[in-house]
């Protein structure tokens, strides 16, 4: 009962201030003095999330570029022979593809772990 009464008094007080607040808001809009301050990523958690997202995006981009860049050396029939059926450029292409695959897998695992 006491809590209900104090909440009702607070609500009535807010209602009494509303016309004055609306009047001030209208005056600021008419004068062009209305300013809205929005602080995006003010929290360290928000900044950390954004930074992690950017890092994962960069790593995913690098892994995609590595995989795409490995295609040409893998299918290449030129370059010195490293083994009987393996040319040096093909070896570099396979190594690049493996690196891209590992980075991509790492990003995928981190995303799945973060969502839990």
PDB file of N, CA and C in Angstrom:
ATOM      1  N   UNK A   1       0.823  -1.187   0.000  1.00  0.00           N
ATOM      2  CA  UNK A   1       0.000   0.000   0.000  1.00  0.00           C
ATOM      3  C   UNK A   1       0.870   1.254   0.000  1.00  0.00           C
ATOM      4  N   UNK A   2       1.902   1.243   0.872  1.00  0.00           N
ATOM      5  CA  UNK A   2       2.801   2.387   0.952  1.00  0.00           C
ATOM      6  C   UNK A   2       3.590   2.539  -0.351  1.00  0.00           C
ATOM      7  N   UNK A   3       4.025   1.391  -0.918  1.00  0.00           N
ATOM      8  CA  UNK A   3       4.773   1.401  -2.172  1.00  0.00           C
ATOM      9  C   UNK A   3       3.899   1.898  -3.317  1.00  0.00           C
ATOM     10  N   UNK A   4       2.644   1.473  -3.328  1.00  0.00           N
ATOM     11  CA  UNK A   4       1.713   1.904  -4.359  1.00  0.00           C
ATOM     12  C   UNK A   4       1.472   3.412  -4.277  1.00  0.00           C
ATOM     13  N   UNK A   5       1.353   3.923  -3.065  1.00  0.00           N
ATOM     14  CA  UNK A   5       1.126   5.361  -2.885  1.00  0.00           C
ATOM     15  C   UNK A   5       2.340   6.159  -3.343  1.00  0.00           C
ATOM     16  N   UNK A   6       3.546   5.707  -3.026  1.00  0.00           N
ATOM     17  CA  UNK A   6       4.738   6.468  -3.427  1.00  0.00           C
ATOM     18  C   UNK A   6       4.927   6.408  -4.945  1.00  0.00           C
ATOM     19  N   UNK A   7       4.586   5.261  -5.562  1.00  0.00           N
ATOM     20  CA  UNK A   7       4.656   5.171  -7.021  1.00  0.00           C
ATOM     21  C   UNK A   7       3.639   6.093  -7.680  1.00  0.00           C
ATOM     22  N   UNK A   8       2.434   6.168  -7.095  1.00  0.00           N
ATOM     23  CA  UNK A   8       1.394   7.045  -7.639  1.00  0.00           C
ATOM     24  C   UNK A   8       1.821   8.506  -7.535  1.00  0.00           C
ATOM     25  N   UNK A   9       2.450   8.890  -6.418  1.00  0.00           N
ATOM     26  CA  UNK A   9       2.915  10.273  -6.246  1.00  0.00           C
ATOM     27  C   UNK A   9       4.009  10.597  -7.272  1.00  0.00           C
ATOM     28  N   UNK A  10       4.917   9.656  -7.482  1.00  0.00           N
ATOM     29  CA  UNK A  10       5.973   9.858  -8.485  1.00  0.00           C
ATOM     30  C   UNK A  10       5.408   9.989  -9.884  1.00  0.00           C
ATOM     31  N   UNK A  11       4.395   9.179 -10.205  1.00  0.00           N
ATOM     32  CA  UNK A  11       3.773   9.226 -11.522  1.00  0.00           C
ATOM     33  C   UNK A  11       3.041  10.555 -11.731  1.00  0.00           C
ATOM     34  N   UNK A  12       2.332  11.001 -10.709  1.00  0.00           N
ATOM     35  CA  UNK A  12       1.605  12.282 -10.802  1.00  0.00           C
ATOM     36  C   UNK A  12       2.591  13.423 -10.970  1.00  0.00           C
ATOM     37  N   UNK A  13       3.701  13.355 -10.252  1.00  0.00           N
ATOM     38  CA  UNK A  13       4.727  14.389 -10.368  1.00  0.00           C
ATOM     39  C   UNK A  13       5.295  14.427 -11.784  1.00  0.00           C
ATOM     40  N   UNK A  14       5.515  13.262 -12.369  1.00  0.00           N
ATOM     41  CA  UNK A  14       6.016  13.196 -13.751  1.00  0.00           C
ATOM     42  C   UNK A  14       4.998  13.789 -14.719  1.00  0.00           C
ATOM     43  N   UNK A  15       3.727  13.484 -14.501  1.00  0.00           N
ATOM     44  CA  UNK A  15       2.684  14.036 -15.365  1.00  0.00           C
ATOM     45  C   UNK A  15       2.614  15.555 -15.266  1.00  0.00           C
ATOM     46  N   UNK A  16       2.841  16.096 -14.063  1.00  0.00           N
ATOM     47  CA  UNK A  16       2.795  17.542 -13.885  1.00  0.00           C
ATOM     48  C   UNK A  16       3.952  18.230 -14.614  1.00  0.00           C
ATOM     49  N   UNK A  17       5.113  17.567 -14.688  1.00  0.00           N
ATOM     50  CA  UNK A  17       6.277  18.161 -15.370  1.00  0.00           C
ATOM     51  C   UNK A  17       6.204  17.998 -16.884  1.00  0.00           C
ATOM     52  N   UNK A  18       5.368  17.095 -17.384  1.00  0.00           N
ATOM     53  CA  UNK A  18       5.338  16.789 -18.801  1.00  0.00           C
ATOM     54  C   UNK A  18       5.002  17.998 -19.678  1.00  0.00           C
ATOM     55  N   UNK A  19       3.981  18.809 -19.373  1.00  0.00           N
ATOM     56  CA  UNK A  19       3.696  19.959 -20.249  1.00  0.00           C
ATOM     57  C   UNK A  19       4.890  20.920 -20.353  1.00  0.00           C
ATOM     58  N   UNK A  20       5.573  21.145 -19.232  1.00  0.00           N
ATOM     59  CA  UNK A  20       6.738  22.038 -19.250  1.00  0.00           C
ATOM     60  C   UNK A  20       7.859  21.434 -20.096  1.00  0.00           C
ATOM     61  N   UNK A  21       8.077  20.120 -19.951  1.00  0.00           N
ATOM     62  CA  UNK A  21       9.118  19.467 -20.737  1.00  0.00           C
ATOM     63  C   UNK A  21       8.777  19.480 -22.228  1.00  0.00           C
ATOM     64  N   UNK A  22       7.507  19.232 -22.552  1.00  0.00           N
ATOM     65  CA  UNK A  22       7.092  19.275 -23.958  1.00  0.00           C
ATOM     66  C   UNK A  22       7.223  20.678 -24.525  1.00  0.00           C
ATOM     67  N   UNK A  23       6.911  21.672 -23.709  1.00  0.00           N
ATOM     68  CA  UNK A  23       7.030  23.061 -24.145  1.00  0.00           C
ATOM     69  C   UNK A  23       8.492  23.402 -24.433  1.00  0.00           C
ATOM     70  N   UNK A  24       9.389  22.959 -23.552  1.00  0.00           N
ATOM     71  CA  UNK A  24      10.827  23.214 -23.761  1.00  0.00           C
ATOM     72  C   UNK A  24      11.322  22.495 -25.009  1.00  0.00           C
ATOM     73  N   UNK A  25      10.854  21.274 -25.226  1.00  0.00           N
ATOM     74  CA  UNK A  25      11.248  20.505 -26.403  1.00  0.00           C
ATOM     75  C   UNK A  25      10.775  21.200 -27.676  1.00  0.00           C
ATOM     76  N   UNK A  26       9.524  21.653 -27.670  1.00  0.00           N
ATOM     77  CA  UNK A  26       8.964  22.354 -28.821  1.00  0.00           C
ATOM     78  C   UNK A  26       9.748  23.637 -29.099  1.00  0.00           C
ATOM     79  N   UNK A  27      10.101  24.365 -28.047  1.00  0.00           N
ATOM     80  CA  UNK A  27      10.862  25.607 -28.200  1.00  0.00           C
ATOM     81  C   UNK A  27      12.245  25.337 -28.809  1.00  0.00           C
ATOM     82  N   UNK A  28      12.894  24.271 -28.369  1.00  0.00           N
ATOM     83  CA  UNK A  28      14.216  23.932 -28.915  1.00  0.00           C
ATOM     84  C   UNK A  28      14.115  23.529 -30.381  1.00  0.00           C
ATOM     85  N   UNK A  29      13.050  22.811 -30.730  1.00  0.00           N
ATOM     86  CA  UNK A  29      12.868  22.417 -32.128  1.00  0.00           C
ATOM     87  C   UNK A  29      12.642  23.651 -32.988  1.00  0.00           C
ATOM     88  N   UNK A  30      11.805  24.569 -32.507  1.00  0.00           N
ATOM     89  CA  UNK A  30      11.517  25.778 -33.283  1.00  0.00           C
ATOM     90  C   UNK A  30      12.761  26.648 -33.437  1.00  0.00           C
ATOM     91  N   UNK A  31      13.585  26.752 -32.414  1.00  0.00           N
ATOM     92  CA  UNK A  31      14.785  27.591 -32.476  1.00  0.00           C
ATOM     93  C   UNK A  31      15.952  26.889 -33.170  1.00  0.00           C
ATOM     94  N   UNK A  32      15.813  25.610 -33.427  1.00  0.00           N
ATOM     95  CA  UNK A  32      16.901  24.851 -34.050  1.00  0.00           C
ATOM     96  C   UNK A  32      18.005  24.508 -33.077  1.00  0.00           C
ATOM     97  N   UNK A  33      17.701  24.497 -31.779  1.00  0.00           N
ATOM     98  CA  UNK A  33      18.708  24.214 -30.754  1.00  0.00           C
ATOM     99  C   UNK A  33      18.649  22.783 -30.228  1.00  0.00           C
ATOM    100  N   UNK A  34      17.828  21.954 -30.846  1.00  0.00           N
ATOM    101  CA  UNK A  34      17.687  20.591 -30.353  1.00  0.00           C
ATOM    102  C   UNK A  34      18.934  19.796 -30.706  1.00  0.00           C
ATOM    103  N   UNK A  35      19.534  19.202 -29.710  1.00  0.00           N
ATOM    104  CA  UNK A  35      20.716  18.374 -29.916  1.00  0.00           C
ATOM    105  C   UNK A  35      20.454  17.001 -29.322  1.00  0.00           C
ATOM    106  N   UNK A  36      20.852  16.009 -30.065  1.00  0.00           N
ATOM    107  CA  UNK A  36      20.698  14.639 -29.592  1.00  0.00           C
ATOM    108  C   UNK A  36      22.088  14.029 -29.501  1.00  0.00           C
ATOM    109  N   UNK A  37      22.435  13.585 -28.332  1.00  0.00           N
ATOM    110  CA  UNK A  37      23.736  12.961 -28.130  1.00  0.00           C
ATOM    111  C   UNK A  37      23.560  11.452 -28.068  1.00  0.00           C
ATOM    112  N   UNK A  38      24.182  10.767 -28.997  1.00  0.00           N
ATOM    113  CA  UNK A  38      24.139   9.314 -29.015  1.00  0.00           C
ATOM    114  C   UNK A  38      25.577   8.824 -28.911  1.00  0.00           C
ATOM    115  N   UNK A  39      25.832   8.037 -27.908  1.00  0.00           N
ATOM    116  CA  UNK A  39      27.183   7.512 -27.727  1.00  0.00           C
ATOM    117  C   UNK A  39      27.184   6.048 -28.137  1.00  0.00           C
ATOM    118  N   UNK A  40      27.607   5.818 -29.361  1.00  0.00           N
ATOM    119  CA  UNK A  40      27.668   4.444 -29.844  1.00  0.00           C
ATOM    120  C   UNK A  40      28.935   3.794 -29.316  1.00  0.00           C
ATOM    121  N   UNK A  41      28.816   2.576 -28.928  1.00  0.00           N
ATOM    122  CA  UNK A  41      29.930   1.773 -28.449  1.00  0.00           C
ATOM    123  C   UNK A  41      30.635   2.449 -27.267  1.00  0.00           C
ATOM    124  N   UNK A  42      29.842   3.032 -26.365  1.00  0.00           N
ATOM    125  CA  UNK A  42      30.413   3.667 -25.180  1.00  0.00           C
ATOM    126  C   UNK A  42      30.920   2.622 -24.198  1.00  0.00           C
ATOM    127  N   UNK A  43      30.302   1.487 -24.183  1.00  0.00           N
ATOM    128  CA  UNK A  43      30.679   0.429 -23.257  1.00  0.00           C
ATOM    129  C   UNK A  43      31.897  -0.319 -23.783  1.00  0.00           C
ATOM    130  N   UNK A  44      32.846  -0.662 -22.896  1.00  0.00           N
ATOM    131  CA  UNK A  44      33.999  -1.465 -23.337  1.00  0.00           C
ATOM    132  C   UNK A  44      33.590  -2.806 -23.940  1.00  0.00           C
ATOM    133  N   UNK A  45      32.487  -3.369 -23.461  1.00  0.00           N
ATOM    134  CA  UNK A  45      32.001  -4.634 -24.020  1.00  0.00           C
ATOM    135  C   UNK A  45      31.582  -4.448 -25.473  1.00  0.00           C
ATOM    136  N   UNK A  46      30.888  -3.330 -25.766  1.00  0.00           N
ATOM    137  CA  UNK A  46      30.471  -3.051 -27.138  1.00  0.00           C
ATOM    138  C   UNK A  46      31.682  -2.837 -28.037  1.00  0.00           C
ATOM    139  N   UNK A  47      32.668  -2.085 -27.542  1.00  0.00           N
ATOM    140  CA  UNK A  47      33.874  -1.853 -28.336  1.00  0.00           C
ATOM    141  C   UNK A  47      34.632  -3.160 -28.571  1.00  0.00           C
ATOM    142  N   UNK A  48      34.695  -3.995 -27.549  1.00  0.00           N
ATOM    143  CA  UNK A  48      35.364  -5.289 -27.685  1.00  0.00           C
ATOM    144  C   UNK A  48      34.669  -6.171 -28.702  1.00  0.00           C
ATOM    145  N   UNK A  49      33.337  -6.153 -28.688  1.00  0.00           N
ATOM    146  CA  UNK A  49      32.567  -6.935 -29.656  1.00  0.00           C
ATOM    147  C   UNK A  49      32.851  -6.463 -31.074  1.00  0.00           C
ATOM    148  N   UNK A  50      32.837  -5.129 -31.274  1.00  0.00           N
ATOM    149  CA  UNK A  50      33.085  -4.575 -32.602  1.00  0.00           C
ATOM    150  C   UNK A  50      34.497  -4.892 -33.065  1.00  0.00           C
ATOM    151  N   UNK A  51      35.477  -4.752 -32.179  1.00  0.00           N
ATOM    152  CA  UNK A  51      36.865  -5.049 -32.534  1.00  0.00           C
ATOM    153  C   UNK A  51      37.016  -6.515 -32.912  1.00  0.00           C
ATOM    154  N   UNK A  52      36.408  -7.409 -32.128  1.00  0.00           N
ATOM    155  CA  UNK A  52      36.467  -8.833 -32.443  1.00  0.00           C
ATOM    156  C   UNK A  52      35.817  -9.144 -33.775  1.00  0.00           C
ATOM    157  N   UNK A  53      34.708  -8.478 -34.055  1.00  0.00           N
ATOM    158  CA  UNK A  53      34.009  -8.685 -35.319  1.00  0.00           C
ATOM    159  C   UNK A  53      34.872  -8.246 -36.502  1.00  0.00           C
ATOM    160  N   UNK A  54      35.530  -7.098 -36.354  1.00  0.00           N
ATOM    161  CA  UNK A  54      36.411  -6.603 -37.418  1.00  0.00           C
ATOM    162  C   UNK A  54      37.582  -7.560 -37.623  1.00  0.00           C
ATOM    163  N   UNK A  55      38.180  -8.023 -36.513  1.00  0.00           N
ATOM    164  CA  UNK A  55      39.306  -8.963 -36.626  1.00  0.00           C
ATOM    165  C   UNK A  55      38.882 -10.249 -37.327  1.00  0.00           C
ATOM    166  N   UNK A  56      37.738 -10.779 -36.955  1.00  0.00           N
ATOM    167  CA  UNK A  56      37.267 -12.011 -37.601  1.00  0.00           C
ATOM    168  C   UNK A  56      36.972 -11.771 -39.084  1.00  0.00           C
ATOM    169  N   UNK A  57      36.446 -10.593 -39.401  1.00  0.00           N
ATOM    170  CA  UNK A  57      36.200 -10.256 -40.804  1.00  0.00           C
ATOM    171  C   UNK A  57      37.490 -10.179 -41.603  1.00  0.00           C
ATOM    172  N   UNK A  58      38.526  -9.589 -41.003  1.00  0.00           N
ATOM    173  CA  UNK A  58      39.824  -9.498 -41.673  1.00  0.00           C
ATOM    174  C   UNK A  58      40.412 -10.890 -41.886  1.00  0.00           C
ATOM    175  N   UNK A  59      40.357 -11.726 -40.855  1.00  0.00           N
ATOM    176  CA  UNK A  59      40.904 -13.082 -40.969  1.00  0.00           C
ATOM    177  C   UNK A  59      40.134 -13.884 -42.016  1.00  0.00           C
ATOM    178  N   UNK A  60      38.805 -13.728 -42.037  1.00  0.00           N
ATOM    179  CA  UNK A  60      38.002 -14.430 -43.049  1.00  0.00           C
ATOM    180  C   UNK A  60      38.371 -13.940 -44.449  1.00  0.00           C
ATOM    181  N   UNK A  61      38.583 -12.640 -44.612  1.00  0.00           N
ATOM    182  CA  UNK A  61      38.989 -12.093 -45.912  1.00  0.00           C
ATOM    183  C   UNK A  61      40.341 -12.619 -46.355  1.00  0.00           C
ATOM    184  N   UNK A  62      41.282 -12.694 -45.418  1.00  0.00           N
ATOM    185  CA  UNK A  62      42.607 -13.228 -45.737  1.00  0.00           C
ATOM    186  C   UNK A  62      42.513 -14.699 -46.134  1.00  0.00           C
ATOM    187  N   UNK A  63      41.703 -15.469 -45.408  1.00  0.00           N
ATOM    188  CA  UNK A  63      41.593 -16.896 -45.733  1.00  0.00           C
ATOM    189  C   UNK A  63      40.950 -17.099 -47.100  1.00  0.00           C
ATOM    190  N   UNK A  64      39.941 -16.305 -47.432  1.00  0.00           N
ATOM    191  CA  UNK A  64      39.315 -16.409 -48.757  1.00  0.00           C
ATOM    192  C   UNK A  64      40.306 -16.023 -49.847  1.00  0.00           C
ATOM    193  N   UNK A  65      41.063 -14.936 -49.617  1.00  0.00           N
ATOM    194  CA  UNK A  65      42.063 -14.510 -50.600  1.00  0.00           C
ATOM    195  C   UNK A  65      43.142 -15.565 -50.780  1.00  0.00           C
ATOM    196  N   UNK A  66      43.555 -16.210 -49.678  1.00  0.00           N
ATOM    197  CA  UNK A  66      44.579 -17.253 -49.774  1.00  0.00           C
ATOM    198  C   UNK A  66      44.076 -18.452 -50.574  1.00  0.00           C
ATOM    199  N   UNK A  67      42.850 -18.843 -50.323  1.00  0.00           N
ATOM    200  CA  UNK A  67      42.294 -19.990 -51.056  1.00  0.00           C
ATOM    201  C   UNK A  67      42.144 -19.661 -52.543  1.00  0.00           C
ATOM    202  N   UNK A  68      41.620 -18.467 -52.839  1.00  0.00           N
ATOM    203  CA  UNK A  68      41.478 -18.076 -54.245  1.00  0.00           C
ATOM    204  C   UNK A  68      42.842 -17.914 -54.909  1.00  0.00           C
ATOM    205  N   UNK A  69      43.806 -17.357 -54.176  1.00  0.00           N
ATOM    206  CA  UNK A  69      45.146 -17.169 -54.718  1.00  0.00           C
ATOM    207  C   UNK A  69      45.898 -18.469 -54.910  1.00  0.00           C
ATOM    208  N   UNK A  70      45.467 -19.521 -54.264  1.00  0.00           N
ATOM    209  CA  UNK A  70      46.159 -20.805 -54.386  1.00  0.00           C
ATOM    210  C   UNK A  70      45.726 -21.585 -55.613  1.00  0.00           C
ATOM    211  N   UNK A  71      44.632 -21.202 -56.234  1.00  0.00           N
ATOM    212  CA  UNK A  71      44.102 -21.973 -57.356  1.00  0.00           C
ATOM    213  C   UNK A  71      45.070 -21.972 -58.542  1.00  0.00           C
ATOM    214  N   UNK A  72      45.567 -20.795 -58.906  1.00  0.00           N
ATOM    215  CA  UNK A  72      46.444 -20.703 -60.072  1.00  0.00           C
ATOM    216  C   UNK A  72      47.731 -21.506 -59.895  1.00  0.00           C
ATOM    217  N   UNK A  73      48.459 -21.391 -58.774  1.00  0.00           N
ATOM    218  CA  UNK A  73      49.663 -22.220 -58.626  1.00  0.00           C
ATOM    219  C   UNK A  73      49.355 -23.724 -58.604  1.00  0.00           C
ATOM    220  N   UNK A  74      48.224 -24.116 -58.047  1.00  0.00           N
ATOM    221  CA  UNK A  74      47.897 -25.548 -57.970  1.00  0.00           C
ATOM    222  C   UNK A  74      47.706 -26.143 -59.369  1.00  0.00           C
ATOM    223  N   UNK A  75      47.055 -25.413 -60.255  1.00  0.00           N
ATOM    224  CA  UNK A  75      46.798 -25.942 -61.605  1.00  0.00           C
ATOM    225  C   UNK A  75      47.943 -25.648 -62.568  1.00  0.00           C
ATOM    226  N   UNK A  76      48.964 -24.932 -62.068  1.00  0.00           N
ATOM    227  CA  UNK A  76      50.094 -24.569 -62.926  1.00  0.00           C
ATOM    228  C   UNK A  76      50.911 -25.793 -63.315  1.00  0.00           C
ATOM    229  N   UNK A  77      51.305 -25.813 -64.581  1.00  0.00           N
ATOM    230  CA  UNK A  77      52.149 -26.907 -65.084  1.00  0.00           C
ATOM    231  C   UNK A  77      53.581 -26.432 -65.296  1.00  0.00           C
ATOM    232  N   UNK A  78      53.910 -25.247 -64.747  1.00  0.00           N
ATOM    233  CA  UNK A  78      55.260 -24.725 -64.922  1.00  0.00           C
ATOM    234  C   UNK A  78      55.987 -24.698 -63.583  1.00  0.00           C
ATOM    235  N   UNK A  79      57.273 -24.394 -63.635  1.00  0.00           N
ATOM    236  CA  UNK A  79      58.086 -24.325 -62.436  1.00  0.00           C
ATOM    237  C   UNK A  79      58.924 -25.573 -62.284  1.00  0.00           C
ATOM    238  N   UNK A  80      59.950 -25.483 -61.453  1.00  0.00           N
ATOM    239  CA  UNK A  80      60.846 -26.634 -61.260  1.00  0.00           C
ATOM    240  C   UNK A  80      60.143 -27.763 -60.517  1.00  0.00           C
ATOM    241  N   UNK A  81      60.593 -28.956 -60.784  1.00  0.00           N
ATOM    242  CA  UNK A  81      60.026 -30.142 -60.136  1.00  0.00           C
ATOM    243  C   UNK A  81      60.576 -30.249 -58.713  1.00  0.00           C
ATOM    244  N   UNK A  82      59.681 -30.453 -57.768  1.00  0.00           N
ATOM    245  CA  UNK A  82      60.075 -30.634 -56.375  1.00  0.00           C
ATOM    246  C   UNK A  82      60.127 -32.126 -56.050  1.00  0.00           C
ATOM    247  N   UNK A  83      59.230 -32.860 -56.624  1.00  0.00           N
ATOM    248  CA  UNK A  83      59.193 -34.317 -56.505  1.00  0.00           C
ATOM    249  C   UNK A  83      58.768 -34.853 -57.870  1.00  0.00           C
ATOM    250  N   UNK A  84      58.605 -36.132 -57.989  1.00  0.00           N
ATOM    251  CA  UNK A  84      58.310 -36.726 -59.295  1.00  0.00           C
ATOM    252  C   UNK A  84      57.003 -36.189 -59.882  1.00  0.00           C
ATOM    253  N   UNK A  85      55.962 -36.036 -59.072  1.00  0.00           N
ATOM    254  CA  UNK A  85      54.670 -35.556 -59.561  1.00  0.00           C
ATOM    255  C   UNK A  85      54.273 -34.205 -58.965  1.00  0.00           C
ATOM    256  N   UNK A  86      55.216 -33.449 -58.401  1.00  0.00           N
ATOM    257  CA  UNK A  86      54.883 -32.198 -57.722  1.00  0.00           C
ATOM    258  C   UNK A  86      55.855 -31.104 -58.135  1.00  0.00           C
ATOM    259  N   UNK A  87      55.287 -30.049 -58.678  1.00  0.00           N
ATOM    260  CA  UNK A  87      56.106 -28.886 -59.045  1.00  0.00           C
ATOM    261  C   UNK A  87      56.150 -27.917 -57.862  1.00  0.00           C
ATOM    262  N   UNK A  88      57.174 -27.052 -57.866  1.00  0.00           N
ATOM    263  CA  UNK A  88      57.371 -26.108 -56.765  1.00  0.00           C
ATOM    264  C   UNK A  88      56.173 -25.172 -56.615  1.00  0.00           C
ATOM    265  N   UNK A  89      55.662 -24.660 -57.754  1.00  0.00           N
ATOM    266  CA  UNK A  89      54.523 -23.736 -57.679  1.00  0.00           C
ATOM    267  C   UNK A  89      53.271 -24.435 -57.149  1.00  0.00           C
ATOM    268  N   UNK A  90      53.098 -25.681 -57.515  1.00  0.00           N
ATOM    269  CA  UNK A  90      51.957 -26.441 -56.989  1.00  0.00           C
ATOM    270  C   UNK A  90      52.080 -26.624 -55.478  1.00  0.00           C
ATOM    271  N   UNK A  91      53.292 -26.887 -55.015  1.00  0.00           N
ATOM    272  CA  UNK A  91      53.526 -27.025 -53.580  1.00  0.00           C
ATOM    273  C   UNK A  91      53.164 -25.728 -52.850  1.00  0.00           C
ATOM    274  N   UNK A  92      53.604 -24.581 -53.403  1.00  0.00           N
ATOM    275  CA  UNK A  92      53.250 -23.294 -52.798  1.00  0.00           C
ATOM    276  C   UNK A  92      51.733 -23.083 -52.814  1.00  0.00           C
ATOM    277  N   UNK A  93      51.077 -23.491 -53.897  1.00  0.00           N
ATOM    278  CA  UNK A  93      49.623 -23.356 -53.991  1.00  0.00           C
ATOM    279  C   UNK A  93      48.907 -24.196 -52.950  1.00  0.00           C
ATOM    280  N   UNK A  94      49.344 -25.442 -52.779  1.00  0.00           N
ATOM    281  CA  UNK A  94      48.731 -26.313 -51.765  1.00  0.00           C
ATOM    282  C   UNK A  94      48.967 -25.765 -50.349  1.00  0.00           C
ATOM    283  N   UNK A  95      50.175 -25.249 -50.119  1.00  0.00           N
ATOM    284  CA  UNK A  95      50.491 -24.672 -48.805  1.00  0.00           C
ATOM    285  C   UNK A  95      49.612 -23.455 -48.531  1.00  0.00           C
ATOM    286  N   UNK A  96      49.447 -22.602 -49.535  1.00  0.00           N
ATOM    287  CA  UNK A  96      48.598 -21.418 -49.392  1.00  0.00           C
ATOM    288  C   UNK A  96      47.143 -21.820 -49.150  1.00  0.00           C
ATOM    289  N   UNK A  97      46.662 -22.817 -49.871  1.00  0.00           N
ATOM    290  CA  UNK A  97      45.282 -23.286 -49.678  1.00  0.00           C
ATOM    291  C   UNK A  97      45.097 -23.858 -48.276  1.00  0.00           C
ATOM    292  N   UNK A  98      46.086 -24.610 -47.811  1.00  0.00           N
ATOM    293  CA  UNK A  98      45.999 -25.169 -46.458  1.00  0.00           C
ATOM    294  C   UNK A  98      45.960 -24.065 -45.408  1.00  0.00           C
ATOM    295  N   UNK A  99      46.815 -23.048 -45.583  1.00  0.00           N
ATOM    296  CA  UNK A  99      46.809 -21.910 -44.649  1.00  0.00           C
ATOM    297  C   UNK A  99      45.469 -21.192 -44.647  1.00  0.00           C
ATOM    298  N   UNK A 100      44.909 -20.961 -45.834  1.00  0.00           N
ATOM    299  CA  UNK A 100      43.596 -20.314 -45.928  1.00  0.00           C
ATOM    300  C   UNK A 100      42.510 -21.148 -45.283  1.00  0.00           C
ATOM    301  N   UNK A 101      42.571 -22.461 -45.489  1.00  0.00           N
ATOM    302  CA  UNK A 101      41.588 -23.366 -44.886  1.00  0.00           C
ATOM    303  C   UNK A 101      41.688 -23.334 -43.361  1.00  0.00           C
ATOM    304  N   UNK A 102      42.919 -23.347 -42.829  1.00  0.00           N
ATOM    305  CA  UNK A 102      43.107 -23.328 -41.368  1.00  0.00           C
ATOM    306  C   UNK A 102      42.597 -22.019 -40.777  1.00  0.00           C
ATOM    307  N   UNK A 103      42.921 -20.882 -41.422  1.00  0.00           N
ATOM    308  CA  UNK A 103      42.419 -19.598 -40.928  1.00  0.00           C
ATOM    309  C   UNK A 103      40.899 -19.537 -40.992  1.00  0.00           C
ATOM    310  N   UNK A 104      40.313 -20.045 -42.080  1.00  0.00           N
ATOM    311  CA  UNK A 104      38.855 -20.054 -42.198  1.00  0.00           C
ATOM    312  C   UNK A 104      38.211 -20.932 -41.146  1.00  0.00           C
ATOM    313  N   UNK A 105      38.802 -22.098 -40.888  1.00  0.00           N
ATOM    314  CA  UNK A 105      38.295 -23.004 -39.865  1.00  0.00           C
ATOM    315  C   UNK A 105      38.403 -22.369 -38.483  1.00  0.00           C
ATOM    316  N   UNK A 106      39.506 -21.668 -38.228  1.00  0.00           N
ATOM    317  CA  UNK A 106      39.696 -20.972 -36.956  1.00  0.00           C
ATOM    318  C   UNK A 106      38.597 -19.927 -36.748  1.00  0.00           C
ATOM    319  N   UNK A 107      38.305 -19.146 -37.781  1.00  0.00           N
ATOM    320  CA  UNK A 107      37.253 -18.129 -37.679  1.00  0.00           C
ATOM    321  C   UNK A 107      35.906 -18.771 -37.409  1.00  0.00           C
ATOM    322  N   UNK A 108      35.607 -19.866 -38.101  1.00  0.00           N
ATOM    323  CA  UNK A 108      34.336 -20.553 -37.919  1.00  0.00           C
ATOM    324  C   UNK A 108      34.203 -21.083 -36.497  1.00  0.00           C
ATOM    325  N   UNK A 109      35.264 -21.685 -35.972  1.00  0.00           N
ATOM    326  CA  UNK A 109      35.227 -22.217 -34.607  1.00  0.00           C
ATOM    327  C   UNK A 109      35.031 -21.085 -33.606  1.00  0.00           C
ATOM    328  N   UNK A 110      35.729 -19.954 -33.796  1.00  0.00           N
ATOM    329  CA  UNK A 110      35.580 -18.825 -32.866  1.00  0.00           C
ATOM    330  C   UNK A 110      34.167 -18.256 -32.899  1.00  0.00           C
ATOM    331  N   UNK A 111      33.563 -18.204 -34.083  1.00  0.00           N
ATOM    332  CA  UNK A 111      32.195 -17.695 -34.196  1.00  0.00           C
ATOM    333  C   UNK A 111      31.233 -18.634 -33.480  1.00  0.00           C
ATOM    334  N   UNK A 112      31.406 -19.939 -33.670  1.00  0.00           N
ATOM    335  CA  UNK A 112      30.517 -20.909 -33.025  1.00  0.00           C
ATOM    336  C   UNK A 112      30.678 -20.902 -31.517  1.00  0.00           C
ATOM    337  N   UNK A 113      31.907 -20.736 -31.030  1.00  0.00           N
ATOM    338  CA  UNK A 113      32.148 -20.688 -29.583  1.00  0.00           C
ATOM    339  C   UNK A 113      31.549 -19.424 -28.984  1.00  0.00           C
ATOM    340  N   UNK A 114      31.666 -18.296 -29.704  1.00  0.00           N
ATOM    341  CA  UNK A 114      31.145 -17.015 -29.204  1.00  0.00           C
ATOM    342  C   UNK A 114      29.631 -17.019 -29.108  1.00  0.00           C
ATOM    343  N   UNK A 115      28.954 -17.717 -30.006  1.00  0.00           N
ATOM    344  CA  UNK A 115      27.480 -17.735 -30.012  1.00  0.00           C
ATOM    345  C   UNK A 115      26.900 -18.534 -28.877  1.00  0.00           C
ATOM    346  N   UNK A 116      27.680 -19.409 -28.246  1.00  0.00           N
ATOM    347  CA  UNK A 116      27.145 -20.241 -27.165  1.00  0.00           C
ATOM    348  C   UNK A 116      26.944 -19.438 -25.914  1.00  0.00           C
TER     349      UNK A 116
END
